[in-house]
Amino acid sequence: MQIIKKWITNNLDIKLLAILMAIILWFYISSQYNTVVEKYYEIEIIPINLEDMLSIREIRERVTVGIKGPQNIVENIAANKITGTVNLQNVTEAGEYLLGVDVTAPKNTQITKLIPEKVRILIEKIVKQEYLVQYNLIGLPEKGYSLEDEPEIIPKDVFITSPESIHKMINQVKVDIDISDLNKSIKIKENVMVFTKDNVTINNLSIEPEKVSVSIQVREGYPEKLLSIKPRIIGKPAPGFYISKIEANPSTFKIFGEYTRIANIDFLETIPIDVNGVSKSLTVKVSPLISDGIYLAENQETLVEVQIQVEEKEEEKIFENVKIEPREASPFINYQLIPETVKVRLVGKHRYIESLKIEDIRPFVNLSDTEQKTVKVELEALPDISLAEITPAEINVSVKR
């Protein structure tokens, strides 16, 4: 008994302090479990149960969730450990949907708020579509060699399975073919690539097949091609004149060169011919424009004779309210013309009609026959000008003796 008493009383102050600290710690821990707090988290949304031939085009990626529970639990929750799901099992066709978000609360907590409770989702179809495979040639064969024909691609078409919105982005499906320093025919496999109109690659597509077979036939020497000549005209003829005809002699040239250089050329242009201010026909001799790597075949003209036929325009001019002149009228009779003016439409060469004024226009009626109630309107002839129309062609005449 004495031993127990001695143990209790030994270092009593330290032991009492330890008991006090334990009591304080117990109250602190207890308060952490008993204090209820609420905290908001931004969490990720995961769509589930979507049909295989449907795709999500647009969906809100995150929502805000309020979680309530003991402080020690709530404050130790990581946002990436909470996931919201949107169940798409009842979505069977493309369209716009407003669906609820499901969130499972962590253990010993509860969900107090979800912002928003429903999210807007755009669903589109996944479509399989056929595309022609084009090609892009890189480099040139060895000097003295050329492609015999364009590369043969097998298969020529591939199928791409993707959402409709991706199909709308696709501008070109092609393969890159490197022909640098080739001196013999080859057959290779190339990856199919897909590009937007901005030449940006679209990756991660389902392409059938992903590779195509490419056959390239190489020959010694260069192929030839017969091309038409297209004179290049710059400038405009003088006002009132126009080009009515252009002829080139010779009208064709034979060229040769590397296949990749000549394959997509359909004609040869001449160097520019300036017709600015021209008012008569002319004939000029000019050379054709030849790009690098393209050559004119031997034993043919190197200049093109271009005949440019220039003609003056036929123009029309209308004069309104031109006063009619009475002619052959008796001085003893009072005539009244109804109406007293007409509209005159004239046609002629630009140089003649451009300077024509209303004072030059003289419509008239012959009143020699006093018994006429209606008379024809005529026009005094104008040099190099033709009458197209007078409106009205006839007028009424009122006679007072």
Protein backbone atom coordinates (compact mmCIF):
# COMPACT_ATOMS: atom_id res chain seq x y z
CA MET A 1 0.00 0.00 0.00
CA GLN A 2 2.84 2.28 0.87
CA ILE A 3 4.39 1.57 -2.52
CA ILE A 4 1.17 2.52 -4.40
CA LYS A 5 0.85 5.71 -2.38
CA LYS A 6 4.44 6.57 -3.11
CA TRP A 7 3.92 5.94 -6.87
CA ILE A 8 0.83 8.17 -6.94
CA THR A 9 2.45 11.04 -5.08
CA ASN A 10 5.76 10.84 -6.99
CA ASN A 11 5.90 13.54 -9.71
CA LEU A 12 2.28 14.37 -9.01
CA ASP A 13 2.42 17.73 -10.77
CA ILE A 14 3.57 16.12 -14.03
CA LYS A 15 0.92 13.43 -13.82
CA LEU A 16 -1.83 15.97 -13.19
CA LEU A 17 -0.63 18.01 -16.17
CA ALA A 18 -0.71 14.92 -18.38
CA ILE A 19 -4.28 14.12 -17.28
CA LEU A 20 -5.32 17.71 -18.00
CA MET A 21 -3.75 17.58 -21.47
CA ALA A 22 -5.51 14.32 -22.21
CA ILE A 23 -8.85 15.81 -21.19
CA ILE A 24 -8.25 18.87 -23.41
CA LEU A 25 -7.25 16.64 -26.35
CA TRP A 26 -10.35 14.51 -25.88
CA PHE A 27 -12.58 17.58 -25.92
CA TYR A 28 -10.82 18.89 -29.07
CA ILE A 29 -11.19 15.60 -30.95
CA SER A 30 -14.77 15.27 -29.80
CA SER A 31 -15.54 18.77 -31.05
CA GLN A 32 -14.08 17.92 -34.47
CA TYR A 33 -16.46 14.98 -34.80
CA ASN A 34 -19.45 16.86 -33.46
CA THR A 35 -18.95 20.16 -35.43
CA VAL A 36 -20.94 20.06 -38.70
CA VAL A 37 -19.68 22.17 -41.63
CA GLU A 38 -20.64 22.68 -45.27
CA LYS A 39 -18.18 23.06 -48.13
CA TYR A 40 -18.50 23.49 -51.92
CA TYR A 41 -16.49 21.55 -54.49
CA GLU A 42 -16.18 21.81 -58.26
CA ILE A 43 -16.38 18.25 -59.56
CA GLU A 44 -16.06 16.50 -62.91
CA ILE A 45 -19.08 15.10 -64.80
CA ILE A 46 -18.83 11.66 -66.41
CA PRO A 47 -21.51 10.56 -68.95
CA ILE A 48 -22.38 6.84 -68.78
CA ASN A 49 -24.40 4.27 -70.76
CA LEU A 50 -24.33 6.03 -74.15
CA GLU A 51 -25.20 3.89 -77.21
CA ASP A 52 -22.30 2.88 -79.46
CA MET A 53 -23.48 4.81 -82.57
CA LEU A 54 -24.05 8.06 -80.70
CA SER A 55 -21.50 10.63 -79.58
CA ILE A 56 -21.47 13.61 -77.23
CA ARG A 57 -20.84 16.80 -79.16
CA GLU A 58 -21.23 19.22 -76.25
CA ILE A 59 -21.61 18.79 -72.48
CA ARG A 60 -20.86 20.84 -69.37
CA GLU A 61 -17.68 19.34 -67.95
CA ARG A 62 -18.01 20.39 -64.28
CA VAL A 63 -20.66 21.26 -61.69
CA THR A 64 -20.52 22.67 -58.16
CA VAL A 65 -21.64 20.46 -55.26
CA GLY A 66 -22.26 21.39 -51.63
CA ILE A 67 -21.32 18.70 -49.03
CA LYS A 68 -22.29 18.79 -45.36
CA GLY A 69 -20.81 16.67 -42.61
CA PRO A 70 -18.36 16.47 -39.69
CA GLN A 71 -15.59 19.03 -40.01
CA ASN A 72 -12.75 16.53 -39.85
CA ILE A 73 -14.29 14.54 -42.75
CA VAL A 74 -15.46 17.40 -44.95
CA GLU A 75 -12.20 19.29 -44.80
CA ASN A 76 -10.25 16.21 -45.84
CA ILE A 77 -12.34 15.43 -48.92
CA ALA A 78 -10.47 15.87 -52.24
CA ALA A 79 -12.58 17.23 -55.13
CA ASN A 80 -11.13 14.68 -57.55
CA LYS A 81 -12.53 11.89 -55.36
CA ILE A 82 -16.12 13.07 -55.97
CA THR A 83 -17.63 12.28 -59.37
CA GLY A 84 -20.90 13.34 -60.92
CA THR A 85 -22.50 11.08 -63.52
CA VAL A 86 -25.11 11.65 -66.21
CA ASN A 87 -26.98 8.52 -67.22
CA LEU A 88 -27.64 8.41 -70.98
CA GLN A 89 -29.31 5.00 -71.16
CA ASN A 90 -32.62 6.51 -72.35
CA VAL A 91 -30.98 8.59 -75.10
CA THR A 92 -31.58 6.74 -78.39
CA GLU A 93 -31.17 9.43 -81.04
CA ALA A 94 -29.31 12.64 -81.83
CA GLY A 95 -30.62 15.85 -80.31
CA GLU A 96 -30.46 18.22 -77.36
CA TYR A 97 -31.20 16.93 -73.85
CA LEU A 98 -31.45 18.38 -70.33
CA LEU A 99 -30.48 15.62 -67.89
CA GLY A 100 -29.95 15.40 -64.14
CA VAL A 101 -26.54 14.91 -62.51
CA ASP A 102 -26.10 12.12 -59.96
CA VAL A 103 -23.51 12.61 -57.20
CA THR A 104 -22.72 10.06 -54.48
CA ALA A 105 -21.91 11.70 -51.14
CA PRO A 106 -18.78 10.54 -49.28
CA LYS A 107 -19.37 8.37 -46.19
CA ASN A 108 -20.94 10.17 -43.21
CA THR A 109 -21.78 13.25 -45.33
CA GLN A 110 -24.75 14.47 -47.36
CA ILE A 111 -25.26 16.51 -50.53
CA THR A 112 -26.86 19.88 -49.75
CA LYS A 113 -26.80 21.58 -53.15
CA LEU A 114 -25.97 20.87 -56.80
CA ILE A 115 -25.34 23.77 -59.21
CA PRO A 116 -26.76 23.17 -61.75
CA GLU A 117 -28.93 20.18 -60.99
CA LYS A 118 -29.37 19.43 -64.72
CA VAL A 119 -26.96 19.89 -67.61
CA ARG A 120 -27.53 20.49 -71.33
CA ILE A 121 -26.10 17.79 -73.59
CA LEU A 122 -25.89 17.77 -77.41
CA ILE A 123 -25.89 14.26 -78.88
CA GLU A 124 -24.94 13.48 -82.49
CA LYS A 125 -24.77 10.36 -84.64
CA ILE A 126 -21.61 8.47 -85.45
CA VAL A 127 -21.51 8.03 -89.23
CA LYS A 128 -19.44 5.88 -91.59
CA GLN A 129 -18.53 7.81 -94.73
CA GLU A 130 -16.44 7.11 -97.84
CA TYR A 131 -13.61 9.45 -98.96
CA LEU A 132 -11.38 9.54 -102.04
CA VAL A 133 -7.69 9.26 -101.16
CA GLN A 134 -5.59 12.01 -102.76
CA TYR A 135 -1.82 12.25 -102.76
CA ASN A 136 0.99 14.73 -102.20
CA LEU A 137 4.33 14.12 -103.92
CA ILE A 138 7.49 15.04 -102.04
CA GLY A 139 10.77 15.66 -103.86
CA LEU A 140 11.82 14.72 -107.42
CA PRO A 141 13.16 11.52 -109.01
CA GLU A 142 16.84 11.18 -109.82
CA LYS A 143 18.02 13.50 -112.62
CA GLY A 144 17.12 12.00 -116.01
CA TYR A 145 14.15 10.08 -114.59
CA SER A 146 10.48 10.94 -114.32
CA LEU A 147 7.17 9.46 -113.22
CA GLU A 148 5.54 7.65 -116.12
CA ASP A 149 2.06 8.34 -114.79
CA GLU A 150 0.36 9.48 -111.64
CA PRO A 151 0.73 7.14 -108.65
CA GLU A 152 -1.79 4.30 -108.41
CA ILE A 153 -3.47 4.08 -105.00
CA ILE A 154 -5.26 0.91 -103.88
CA PRO A 155 -7.88 1.20 -102.55
CA LYS A 156 -8.79 4.59 -103.99
CA ASP A 157 -11.38 5.17 -101.26
CA VAL A 158 -11.32 4.70 -97.50
CA PHE A 159 -14.09 4.72 -94.88
CA ILE A 160 -14.00 7.04 -91.88
CA THR A 161 -16.27 6.40 -88.90
CA SER A 162 -16.72 9.48 -86.71
CA PRO A 163 -19.31 11.90 -85.30
CA GLU A 164 -21.13 14.02 -87.89
CA SER A 165 -19.42 17.21 -86.67
CA ILE A 166 -16.00 15.68 -87.47
CA HIS A 167 -17.12 14.76 -90.99
CA LYS A 168 -18.03 18.41 -91.56
CA MET A 169 -14.46 19.40 -90.66
CA ILE A 170 -12.84 16.96 -93.09
CA ASN A 171 -11.54 18.72 -96.21
CA GLN A 172 -8.99 16.29 -97.61
CA VAL A 173 -7.90 12.68 -97.17
CA LYS A 174 -4.45 12.00 -98.58
CA VAL A 175 -1.12 10.22 -98.40
CA ASP A 176 2.36 11.75 -98.62
CA ILE A 177 4.55 10.00 -101.21
CA ASP A 178 8.29 10.64 -101.12
CA ILE A 179 9.77 10.20 -104.62
CA SER A 180 13.11 11.86 -103.87
CA ASP A 181 15.95 10.44 -106.04
CA LEU A 182 13.86 7.53 -107.37
CA ASN A 183 15.29 5.75 -110.43
CA LYS A 184 13.03 2.69 -110.52
CA SER A 185 9.40 1.73 -110.03
CA ILE A 186 8.32 0.89 -106.47
CA LYS A 187 5.31 -0.30 -104.50
CA ILE A 188 4.91 0.88 -100.91
CA LYS A 189 2.38 1.22 -98.09
CA GLU A 190 1.51 4.71 -96.83
CA ASN A 191 -0.51 5.96 -93.86
CA VAL A 192 -3.77 7.75 -94.67
CA MET A 193 -3.96 11.27 -93.18
CA VAL A 194 -7.00 13.49 -92.73
CA PHE A 195 -6.92 17.31 -92.88
CA THR A 196 -9.24 20.26 -92.28
CA LYS A 197 -9.59 23.14 -94.78
CA ASP A 198 -6.88 24.94 -92.74
CA ASN A 199 -4.55 21.98 -93.36
CA VAL A 200 -4.68 20.89 -89.70
CA THR A 201 -4.36 17.15 -89.13
CA ILE A 202 -7.35 15.38 -87.55
CA ASN A 203 -6.05 12.56 -85.39
CA ASN A 204 -7.56 9.57 -83.57
CA LEU A 205 -10.05 8.70 -86.33
CA SER A 206 -11.33 5.26 -87.23
CA ILE A 207 -10.07 4.80 -90.82
CA GLU A 208 -10.58 1.62 -92.88
CA PRO A 209 -7.96 0.82 -94.04
CA GLU A 210 -5.39 2.91 -92.19
CA LYS A 211 -2.75 2.22 -94.88
CA VAL A 212 -3.08 2.10 -98.67
CA SER A 213 -0.88 0.52 -101.33
CA VAL A 214 0.91 3.02 -103.61
CA SER A 215 2.45 1.98 -106.95
CA ILE A 216 4.88 4.41 -108.62
CA GLN A 217 6.07 3.83 -112.19
CA VAL A 218 9.39 5.53 -112.99
CA ARG A 219 10.82 5.89 -116.50
CA GLU A 220 14.04 7.19 -117.97
CA GLY A 221 13.54 10.51 -119.76
CA TYR A 222 10.61 12.94 -119.57
CA PRO A 223 7.00 12.80 -120.77
CA GLU A 224 5.60 15.32 -123.29
CA LYS A 225 2.36 17.28 -123.28
CA LEU A 226 0.58 19.44 -125.89
CA LEU A 227 -0.79 22.64 -124.34
CA SER A 228 -2.95 25.45 -125.72
CA ILE A 229 -1.70 29.04 -125.59
CA LYS A 230 -3.61 31.60 -123.51
CA PRO A 231 -2.51 35.21 -124.14
CA ARG A 232 -2.45 37.19 -120.90
CA ILE A 233 -4.07 40.60 -121.38
CA ILE A 234 -3.67 43.42 -118.85
CA GLY A 235 -5.20 46.90 -118.82
CA LYS A 236 -8.36 48.16 -120.54
CA PRO A 237 -8.89 49.63 -124.02
CA ALA A 238 -9.78 53.32 -124.40
CA PRO A 239 -13.24 54.35 -123.14
CA GLY A 240 -15.92 53.21 -125.57
CA PHE A 241 -13.78 50.39 -126.99
CA TYR A 242 -13.64 46.67 -126.23
CA ILE A 243 -11.67 43.56 -127.23
CA SER A 244 -13.83 41.53 -129.57
CA LYS A 245 -11.38 38.74 -130.45
CA ILE A 246 -7.98 37.34 -129.46
CA GLU A 247 -6.07 34.84 -131.61
CA ALA A 248 -2.70 33.18 -130.97
CA ASN A 249 -0.46 31.67 -133.62
CA PRO A 250 0.71 29.01 -132.98
CA SER A 251 -2.25 28.09 -130.79
CA THR A 252 -0.44 25.17 -129.09
CA PHE A 253 3.04 24.32 -127.81
CA LYS A 254 4.56 20.95 -127.03
CA ILE A 255 6.42 20.80 -123.72
CA PHE A 256 8.29 18.14 -121.78
CA GLY A 257 9.53 17.78 -118.21
CA GLU A 258 9.21 15.90 -114.96
CA TYR A 259 5.72 14.40 -114.64
CA THR A 260 5.07 16.16 -111.36
CA ARG A 261 5.81 19.49 -113.08
CA ILE A 262 3.53 19.08 -116.10
CA ALA A 263 0.74 16.85 -114.80
CA ASN A 264 -1.49 19.68 -113.57
CA ILE A 265 -0.73 22.25 -116.29
CA ASP A 266 -3.65 22.71 -118.71
CA PHE A 267 -2.37 25.67 -120.77
CA LEU A 268 0.56 28.05 -121.24
CA GLU A 269 0.19 31.78 -120.64
CA THR A 270 2.15 34.38 -122.55
CA ILE A 271 4.00 37.23 -120.92
CA PRO A 272 1.55 40.11 -120.18
CA ILE A 273 0.30 42.20 -123.13
CA ASP A 274 -0.73 45.72 -122.10
CA VAL A 275 -3.80 47.06 -123.98
CA ASN A 276 -4.39 50.04 -121.71
CA GLY A 277 -5.84 52.95 -123.72
CA VAL A 278 -5.79 51.03 -127.04
CA SER A 279 -8.44 52.14 -129.59
CA LYS A 280 -7.47 49.98 -132.59
CA SER A 281 -6.55 46.38 -133.32
CA LEU A 282 -2.93 45.31 -132.85
CA THR A 283 -0.60 42.37 -133.44
CA VAL A 284 2.33 41.55 -131.13
CA LYS A 285 4.88 38.77 -130.77
CA VAL A 286 5.48 37.52 -127.24
CA SER A 287 7.06 34.51 -125.57
CA PRO A 288 5.17 31.92 -123.50
CA LEU A 289 5.79 31.76 -119.76
CA ILE A 290 7.69 28.56 -118.94
CA SER A 291 8.07 27.44 -115.31
CA ASP A 292 11.26 25.91 -113.91
CA GLY A 293 11.67 22.27 -114.83
CA ILE A 294 9.49 22.58 -117.97
CA TYR A 295 10.99 22.81 -121.46
CA LEU A 296 9.74 23.51 -124.98
CA ALA A 297 10.09 20.62 -127.40
CA GLU A 298 12.55 21.13 -130.25
CA ASN A 299 11.72 22.29 -133.81
CA GLN A 300 8.89 24.67 -132.94
CA GLU A 301 8.41 28.42 -132.71
CA THR A 302 9.56 30.12 -129.53
CA LEU A 303 7.38 33.22 -129.94
CA VAL A 304 3.60 33.55 -130.16
CA GLU A 305 1.96 36.01 -132.56
CA VAL A 306 -1.09 37.43 -130.81
CA GLN A 307 -3.75 39.32 -132.77
CA ILE A 308 -6.01 41.49 -130.60
CA GLN A 309 -9.09 42.85 -132.35
CA VAL A 310 -10.40 46.07 -130.78
CA GLU A 311 -13.80 47.52 -131.72
CA GLU A 312 -15.79 50.55 -130.72
CA LYS A 313 -18.82 49.92 -128.55
CA GLU A 314 -22.35 50.47 -129.77
CA GLU A 315 -24.02 52.59 -127.11
CA GLU A 316 -27.53 53.72 -126.38
CA LYS A 317 -28.68 57.11 -125.18
CA ILE A 318 -32.15 58.22 -124.11
CA PHE A 319 -33.48 61.78 -124.17
CA GLU A 320 -36.62 62.58 -122.20
CA ASN A 321 -39.14 65.39 -122.86
CA VAL A 322 -37.83 66.38 -126.29
CA LYS A 323 -40.09 69.08 -127.77
CA ILE A 324 -41.86 68.17 -131.02
CA GLU A 325 -41.56 70.62 -133.92
CA PRO A 326 -44.67 71.11 -136.14
CA ARG A 327 -43.77 71.33 -139.86
CA GLU A 328 -45.75 72.25 -143.00
CA ALA A 329 -48.37 73.85 -140.78
CA SER A 330 -50.83 76.44 -142.17
CA PRO A 331 -50.29 79.90 -140.64
CA PHE A 332 -54.07 80.40 -140.47
CA ILE A 333 -54.72 77.41 -138.24
CA ASN A 334 -54.04 77.05 -134.55
CA TYR A 335 -52.57 73.57 -133.89
CA GLN A 336 -52.25 71.90 -130.50
CA LEU A 337 -50.03 68.80 -130.19
CA ILE A 338 -51.01 66.23 -127.56
CA PRO A 339 -48.50 65.50 -126.08
CA GLU A 340 -46.00 68.18 -127.01
CA THR A 341 -42.87 66.15 -126.09
CA VAL A 342 -41.56 62.63 -126.72
CA LYS A 343 -38.88 60.25 -125.42
CA VAL A 344 -36.18 59.44 -127.99
CA ARG A 345 -33.85 56.41 -127.77
CA LEU A 346 -30.78 56.51 -130.05
CA VAL A 347 -28.02 54.01 -130.88
CA GLY A 348 -24.55 54.66 -132.28
CA LYS A 349 -20.81 54.38 -131.86
CA HIS A 350 -19.41 55.69 -128.60
CA ARG A 351 -17.54 58.64 -130.16
CA TYR A 352 -20.69 59.92 -131.89
CA ILE A 353 -23.26 59.34 -129.22
CA GLU A 354 -21.17 60.46 -126.24
CA SER A 355 -21.23 64.16 -127.25
CA LEU A 356 -24.87 64.19 -128.37
CA LYS A 357 -27.05 66.83 -126.65
CA ILE A 358 -30.81 67.33 -126.45
CA GLU A 359 -30.50 70.38 -128.69
CA ASP A 360 -29.28 68.08 -131.47
CA ILE A 361 -32.46 66.00 -131.37
CA ARG A 362 -35.24 67.26 -133.61
CA PRO A 363 -38.45 65.23 -133.58
CA PHE A 364 -41.19 66.66 -135.82
CA VAL A 365 -44.68 66.05 -137.23
CA ASN A 366 -45.93 66.91 -140.71
CA LEU A 367 -49.14 68.97 -140.49
CA SER A 368 -49.71 69.52 -144.21
CA ASP A 369 -52.88 67.46 -144.03
CA THR A 370 -55.18 69.53 -141.82
CA GLU A 371 -57.77 66.79 -141.66
CA GLN A 372 -55.50 64.37 -139.75
CA LYS A 373 -56.37 63.82 -136.09
CA THR A 374 -53.37 61.54 -135.42
CA VAL A 375 -49.91 62.02 -136.91
CA LYS A 376 -46.66 60.06 -136.87
CA VAL A 377 -43.65 61.51 -135.04
CA GLU A 378 -40.48 61.51 -137.14
CA LEU A 379 -36.86 62.37 -136.35
CA GLU A 380 -34.52 64.51 -138.36
CA ALA A 381 -31.62 62.32 -139.45
CA LEU A 382 -28.37 62.44 -137.45
CA PRO A 383 -25.01 61.44 -138.99
CA ASP A 384 -23.78 57.99 -137.80
CA ILE A 385 -26.68 57.71 -135.33
CA SER A 386 -29.64 55.33 -135.61
CA LEU A 387 -33.09 55.85 -134.19
CA ALA A 388 -34.11 53.00 -131.94
CA GLU A 389 -37.45 54.23 -130.68
CA ILE A 390 -39.70 57.28 -130.27
CA THR A 391 -42.31 57.19 -127.51
CA PRO A 392 -45.10 57.83 -128.30
CA ALA A 393 -44.73 57.01 -131.99
CA GLU A 394 -47.92 58.95 -132.81
CA ILE A 395 -49.56 61.98 -131.23
CA ASN A 396 -52.98 63.65 -131.44
CA VAL A 397 -53.50 66.98 -133.17
CA SER A 398 -56.20 69.43 -132.14
CA VAL A 399 -57.10 71.97 -134.85
CA LYS A 400 -58.72 75.41 -134.21
CA ARG A 401 -59.50 77.57 -137.24
